[in-house]
N, C-alpha and C. Protein backbone atom coordinates (compact mmCIF):
# COMPACT_ATOMS: atom_id res chain seq x y z
N MET A 1 -81.29 160.87 -110.65
CA MET A 1 -81.40 159.51 -110.15
C MET A 1 -82.77 159.33 -109.49
N ALA A 2 -83.57 158.43 -109.99
CA ALA A 2 -84.91 158.20 -109.46
C ALA A 2 -84.85 157.47 -108.12
N THR A 3 -85.97 157.50 -107.39
CA THR A 3 -86.01 156.76 -106.13
C THR A 3 -85.83 155.28 -106.45
N GLN A 4 -85.20 154.58 -105.53
CA GLN A 4 -84.86 153.18 -105.73
C GLN A 4 -85.76 152.30 -104.86
N PRO A 5 -86.52 151.37 -105.48
CA PRO A 5 -87.31 150.46 -104.66
C PRO A 5 -86.39 149.47 -103.95
N ILE A 6 -86.66 149.23 -102.66
CA ILE A 6 -85.87 148.27 -101.91
C ILE A 6 -86.82 147.28 -101.23
N SER A 7 -86.25 146.24 -100.62
CA SER A 7 -87.06 145.20 -99.98
C SER A 7 -86.41 144.76 -98.68
N ASP A 8 -87.12 143.92 -97.94
CA ASP A 8 -86.53 143.35 -96.73
C ASP A 8 -85.20 142.68 -97.07
N ALA A 9 -85.19 141.95 -98.20
CA ALA A 9 -84.01 141.19 -98.60
C ALA A 9 -82.82 142.08 -98.97
N SER A 10 -83.11 143.26 -99.55
CA SER A 10 -82.01 144.12 -100.01
C SER A 10 -81.66 145.23 -99.01
N PHE A 11 -82.40 145.33 -97.90
CA PHE A 11 -82.24 146.44 -96.97
C PHE A 11 -80.81 146.56 -96.43
N GLN A 12 -80.23 145.45 -96.03
CA GLN A 12 -78.86 145.45 -95.50
C GLN A 12 -77.89 146.09 -96.50
N GLU A 13 -77.93 145.58 -97.73
CA GLU A 13 -77.00 146.06 -98.76
C GLU A 13 -77.31 147.49 -99.21
N ASP A 14 -78.61 147.76 -99.50
CA ASP A 14 -79.00 149.05 -100.07
C ASP A 14 -78.96 150.20 -99.07
N VAL A 15 -79.21 149.91 -97.79
CA VAL A 15 -79.33 150.99 -96.80
C VAL A 15 -78.23 150.91 -95.74
N LEU A 16 -78.17 149.82 -95.01
CA LEU A 16 -77.25 149.75 -93.88
C LEU A 16 -75.78 149.75 -94.31
N ASP A 17 -75.48 149.12 -95.44
CA ASP A 17 -74.09 149.06 -95.91
C ASP A 17 -73.72 150.20 -96.86
N SER A 18 -74.63 151.14 -97.09
CA SER A 18 -74.39 152.22 -98.04
C SER A 18 -73.34 153.19 -97.50
N SER A 19 -72.47 153.65 -98.39
CA SER A 19 -71.44 154.61 -97.99
C SER A 19 -71.99 156.04 -97.95
N GLU A 20 -73.15 156.25 -98.58
CA GLU A 20 -73.77 157.57 -98.57
C GLU A 20 -75.02 157.54 -97.70
N PRO A 21 -75.48 158.71 -97.21
CA PRO A 21 -76.73 158.74 -96.45
C PRO A 21 -77.89 158.24 -97.32
N VAL A 22 -78.84 157.56 -96.68
CA VAL A 22 -79.98 156.99 -97.41
C VAL A 22 -81.28 157.44 -96.76
N VAL A 23 -82.19 157.98 -97.58
CA VAL A 23 -83.55 158.28 -97.13
C VAL A 23 -84.40 157.07 -97.48
N VAL A 24 -85.11 156.54 -96.48
CA VAL A 24 -86.01 155.42 -96.73
C VAL A 24 -87.44 155.90 -96.54
N ASP A 25 -88.25 155.75 -97.58
CA ASP A 25 -89.67 156.09 -97.54
C ASP A 25 -90.45 154.80 -97.30
N PHE A 26 -91.04 154.67 -96.10
CA PHE A 26 -91.90 153.53 -95.81
C PHE A 26 -93.30 153.92 -96.29
N TRP A 27 -93.86 153.17 -97.25
CA TRP A 27 -95.11 153.55 -97.89
C TRP A 27 -95.95 152.32 -98.20
N ALA A 28 -97.19 152.56 -98.68
CA ALA A 28 -98.07 151.50 -99.14
C ALA A 28 -98.93 152.03 -100.28
N GLU A 29 -99.36 151.13 -101.14
CA GLU A 29 -100.16 151.47 -102.31
C GLU A 29 -101.46 152.19 -101.93
N TRP A 30 -102.07 151.81 -100.83
CA TRP A 30 -103.38 152.34 -100.41
C TRP A 30 -103.28 153.66 -99.64
N CYS A 31 -102.07 154.15 -99.40
CA CYS A 31 -101.85 155.32 -98.55
C CYS A 31 -101.87 156.62 -99.38
N GLY A 32 -102.92 157.43 -99.19
CA GLY A 32 -103.05 158.69 -99.92
C GLY A 32 -101.89 159.65 -99.70
N PRO A 33 -101.53 159.94 -98.43
CA PRO A 33 -100.39 160.85 -98.19
C PRO A 33 -99.07 160.33 -98.78
N CYS A 34 -98.92 159.00 -98.83
CA CYS A 34 -97.70 158.42 -99.43
C CYS A 34 -97.64 158.78 -100.91
N LYS A 35 -98.79 158.67 -101.57
CA LYS A 35 -98.84 159.01 -103.00
C LYS A 35 -98.63 160.51 -103.21
N GLN A 36 -99.05 161.31 -102.22
CA GLN A 36 -98.88 162.76 -102.29
C GLN A 36 -97.40 163.15 -102.32
N ILE A 37 -96.59 162.52 -101.48
CA ILE A 37 -95.18 162.91 -101.41
C ILE A 37 -94.30 162.18 -102.42
N GLY A 38 -94.85 161.18 -103.09
CA GLY A 38 -94.07 160.41 -104.07
C GLY A 38 -93.39 161.27 -105.12
N PRO A 39 -94.13 162.14 -105.83
CA PRO A 39 -93.50 162.98 -106.85
C PRO A 39 -92.41 163.90 -106.28
N ALA A 40 -92.64 164.42 -105.07
CA ALA A 40 -91.63 165.29 -104.44
C ALA A 40 -90.36 164.50 -104.16
N LEU A 41 -90.51 163.25 -103.70
CA LEU A 41 -89.33 162.43 -103.43
C LEU A 41 -88.55 162.12 -104.71
N GLU A 42 -89.28 161.92 -105.82
CA GLU A 42 -88.62 161.70 -107.11
C GLU A 42 -87.78 162.93 -107.48
N GLU A 43 -88.38 164.12 -107.34
CA GLU A 43 -87.67 165.37 -107.66
C GLU A 43 -86.46 165.55 -106.74
N ILE A 44 -86.65 165.29 -105.44
CA ILE A 44 -85.56 165.43 -104.47
C ILE A 44 -84.43 164.47 -104.82
N SER A 45 -84.79 163.25 -105.19
CA SER A 45 -83.79 162.25 -105.57
C SER A 45 -82.95 162.75 -106.74
N ASN A 46 -83.61 163.35 -107.72
CA ASN A 46 -82.89 163.90 -108.88
C ASN A 46 -82.03 165.09 -108.50
N GLU A 47 -82.55 165.96 -107.62
CA GLU A 47 -81.84 167.18 -107.25
C GLU A 47 -80.66 166.91 -106.31
N LEU A 48 -80.83 165.98 -105.38
CA LEU A 48 -79.78 165.71 -104.38
C LEU A 48 -79.02 164.43 -104.69
N GLY A 49 -79.14 163.94 -105.91
CA GLY A 49 -78.60 162.65 -106.32
C GLY A 49 -77.22 162.28 -105.81
N THR A 50 -76.31 163.24 -105.75
CA THR A 50 -74.95 162.89 -105.33
C THR A 50 -74.78 162.97 -103.81
N LYS A 51 -75.70 163.66 -103.14
CA LYS A 51 -75.58 163.84 -101.68
C LYS A 51 -76.22 162.72 -100.88
N VAL A 52 -77.32 162.17 -101.43
CA VAL A 52 -78.13 161.22 -100.66
C VAL A 52 -78.83 160.27 -101.63
N LYS A 53 -79.04 159.03 -101.18
CA LYS A 53 -79.79 158.06 -101.97
C LYS A 53 -81.21 158.01 -101.41
N VAL A 54 -82.23 158.11 -102.28
CA VAL A 54 -83.62 158.08 -101.85
C VAL A 54 -84.22 156.73 -102.26
N THR A 55 -84.74 156.00 -101.26
CA THR A 55 -85.30 154.67 -101.51
C THR A 55 -86.73 154.60 -101.01
N LYS A 56 -87.46 153.58 -101.48
CA LYS A 56 -88.85 153.36 -101.07
C LYS A 56 -89.01 151.88 -100.73
N ILE A 57 -89.70 151.60 -99.61
CA ILE A 57 -90.00 150.22 -99.26
C ILE A 57 -91.49 150.09 -98.99
N ASN A 58 -92.13 149.20 -99.72
CA ASN A 58 -93.57 148.96 -99.58
C ASN A 58 -93.77 148.10 -98.33
N ILE A 59 -94.47 148.65 -97.33
CA ILE A 59 -94.60 147.95 -96.05
C ILE A 59 -95.50 146.72 -96.14
N ASP A 60 -96.41 146.67 -97.11
CA ASP A 60 -97.27 145.50 -97.28
C ASP A 60 -96.49 144.31 -97.83
N ASP A 61 -95.59 144.59 -98.77
CA ASP A 61 -94.80 143.52 -99.39
C ASP A 61 -93.58 143.16 -98.54
N ASN A 62 -93.16 144.05 -97.67
CA ASN A 62 -91.94 143.87 -96.87
C ASN A 62 -92.21 144.22 -95.41
N PRO A 63 -92.85 143.32 -94.65
CA PRO A 63 -93.26 143.65 -93.27
C PRO A 63 -92.14 143.61 -92.23
N GLN A 64 -91.02 142.95 -92.51
CA GLN A 64 -89.97 142.80 -91.50
C GLN A 64 -89.27 144.11 -91.16
N THR A 65 -88.88 144.85 -92.16
CA THR A 65 -88.11 146.08 -91.93
C THR A 65 -88.90 147.14 -91.18
N PRO A 66 -90.15 147.46 -91.59
CA PRO A 66 -90.91 148.46 -90.82
C PRO A 66 -91.13 148.02 -89.37
N SER A 67 -91.33 146.74 -89.17
CA SER A 67 -91.53 146.22 -87.82
C SER A 67 -90.25 146.40 -86.99
N LYS A 68 -89.12 146.10 -87.60
CA LYS A 68 -87.82 146.22 -86.91
C LYS A 68 -87.54 147.66 -86.48
N TYR A 69 -87.96 148.63 -87.30
CA TYR A 69 -87.67 150.03 -87.01
C TYR A 69 -88.86 150.77 -86.39
N GLY A 70 -89.88 150.04 -85.97
CA GLY A 70 -90.98 150.63 -85.22
C GLY A 70 -91.86 151.58 -86.00
N VAL A 71 -92.02 151.32 -87.30
CA VAL A 71 -92.89 152.17 -88.12
C VAL A 71 -94.34 151.91 -87.73
N ARG A 72 -95.02 152.97 -87.25
CA ARG A 72 -96.41 152.82 -86.81
C ARG A 72 -97.40 153.54 -87.72
N GLY A 73 -96.94 154.54 -88.42
CA GLY A 73 -97.78 155.29 -89.34
C GLY A 73 -97.01 155.56 -90.61
N ILE A 74 -97.74 155.71 -91.71
CA ILE A 74 -97.06 156.02 -92.97
C ILE A 74 -97.72 157.24 -93.60
N PRO A 75 -96.98 157.99 -94.39
CA PRO A 75 -95.59 157.76 -94.72
C PRO A 75 -94.65 158.06 -93.55
N THR A 76 -93.64 157.23 -93.40
CA THR A 76 -92.55 157.50 -92.47
C THR A 76 -91.28 157.57 -93.29
N LEU A 77 -90.53 158.64 -93.10
CA LEU A 77 -89.23 158.81 -93.75
C LEU A 77 -88.15 158.67 -92.70
N MET A 78 -87.13 157.89 -93.01
CA MET A 78 -85.98 157.75 -92.11
C MET A 78 -84.72 158.01 -92.89
N ILE A 79 -83.78 158.69 -92.24
CA ILE A 79 -82.45 158.89 -92.84
C ILE A 79 -81.49 157.98 -92.10
N PHE A 80 -80.78 157.16 -92.85
CA PHE A 80 -79.76 156.28 -92.30
C PHE A 80 -78.38 156.79 -92.69
N LYS A 81 -77.50 156.87 -91.72
CA LYS A 81 -76.10 157.25 -91.97
C LYS A 81 -75.23 156.23 -91.24
N GLY A 82 -74.31 155.62 -91.97
CA GLY A 82 -73.42 154.64 -91.35
C GLY A 82 -74.15 153.46 -90.73
N GLY A 83 -75.28 153.08 -91.33
CA GLY A 83 -76.04 151.93 -90.85
C GLY A 83 -76.95 152.22 -89.67
N GLU A 84 -77.03 153.49 -89.24
CA GLU A 84 -77.85 153.86 -88.09
C GLU A 84 -78.91 154.88 -88.50
N VAL A 85 -80.05 154.87 -87.79
CA VAL A 85 -81.09 155.87 -88.04
C VAL A 85 -80.59 157.22 -87.53
N ALA A 86 -80.53 158.21 -88.41
CA ALA A 86 -80.06 159.54 -88.04
C ALA A 86 -81.22 160.48 -87.75
N SER A 87 -82.37 160.25 -88.44
CA SER A 87 -83.51 161.13 -88.26
C SER A 87 -84.77 160.44 -88.79
N VAL A 88 -85.91 160.79 -88.18
CA VAL A 88 -87.20 160.21 -88.57
C VAL A 88 -88.22 161.32 -88.75
N GLN A 89 -89.03 161.20 -89.78
CA GLN A 89 -90.10 162.16 -90.05
C GLN A 89 -91.36 161.36 -90.39
N VAL A 90 -92.43 161.56 -89.64
CA VAL A 90 -93.68 160.85 -89.90
C VAL A 90 -94.71 161.81 -90.46
N GLY A 91 -95.38 161.38 -91.53
CA GLY A 91 -96.43 162.19 -92.14
C GLY A 91 -95.95 162.88 -93.41
N ALA A 92 -96.92 163.33 -94.18
CA ALA A 92 -96.62 164.01 -95.45
C ALA A 92 -96.23 165.46 -95.19
N LEU A 93 -95.20 165.90 -95.86
CA LEU A 93 -94.73 167.28 -95.78
C LEU A 93 -94.60 167.85 -97.18
N PRO A 94 -94.66 169.17 -97.33
CA PRO A 94 -94.39 169.76 -98.64
C PRO A 94 -92.92 169.52 -99.01
N LYS A 95 -92.64 169.54 -100.30
CA LYS A 95 -91.29 169.25 -100.80
C LYS A 95 -90.22 170.09 -100.10
N GLY A 96 -90.46 171.37 -99.95
CA GLY A 96 -89.46 172.25 -99.33
C GLY A 96 -89.09 171.81 -97.92
N LYS A 97 -90.09 171.37 -97.17
CA LYS A 97 -89.85 170.92 -95.79
C LYS A 97 -89.08 169.60 -95.78
N ILE A 98 -89.36 168.73 -96.75
CA ILE A 98 -88.63 167.46 -96.84
C ILE A 98 -87.16 167.74 -97.15
N VAL A 99 -86.91 168.63 -98.10
CA VAL A 99 -85.53 169.00 -98.46
C VAL A 99 -84.81 169.60 -97.25
N GLU A 100 -85.50 170.49 -96.56
CA GLU A 100 -84.94 171.12 -95.35
C GLU A 100 -84.55 170.06 -94.31
N TRP A 101 -85.45 169.11 -94.09
CA TRP A 101 -85.22 168.02 -93.12
C TRP A 101 -84.03 167.15 -93.56
N ILE A 102 -83.99 166.79 -94.83
CA ILE A 102 -82.88 165.96 -95.33
C ILE A 102 -81.56 166.70 -95.18
N GLU A 103 -81.51 167.94 -95.65
CA GLU A 103 -80.24 168.69 -95.61
C GLU A 103 -79.80 168.96 -94.17
N GLY A 104 -80.76 169.11 -93.26
CA GLY A 104 -80.42 169.31 -91.85
C GLY A 104 -79.95 168.04 -91.15
N SER A 105 -80.23 166.90 -91.78
CA SER A 105 -79.91 165.62 -91.16
C SER A 105 -78.66 164.96 -91.74
N ILE A 106 -78.27 165.37 -92.94
CA ILE A 106 -77.09 164.75 -93.55
C ILE A 106 -75.89 165.65 -93.39
């Protein structure tokens, strides 16, 4: 299962109302580190497909959600469980560390 693009409009349904844990990648087209972790997130999404949903929200196109959750730097990864933020990770990490963080948070 590939990463799922989401928006301010779909955030409630795709993330907050989700029955499974959701990883949200706050990113932007111009962000080098965001592009660095993109392929790893695709692989993680495929590998952990049944355990967690991996989503991406472009902060330039969707300014409300990052503002609401206090995103100050990107990439910022957040795990939501039951409509609440369970864990936050700021900055690019190697794939193994991202997997470790996700599995430790869900």
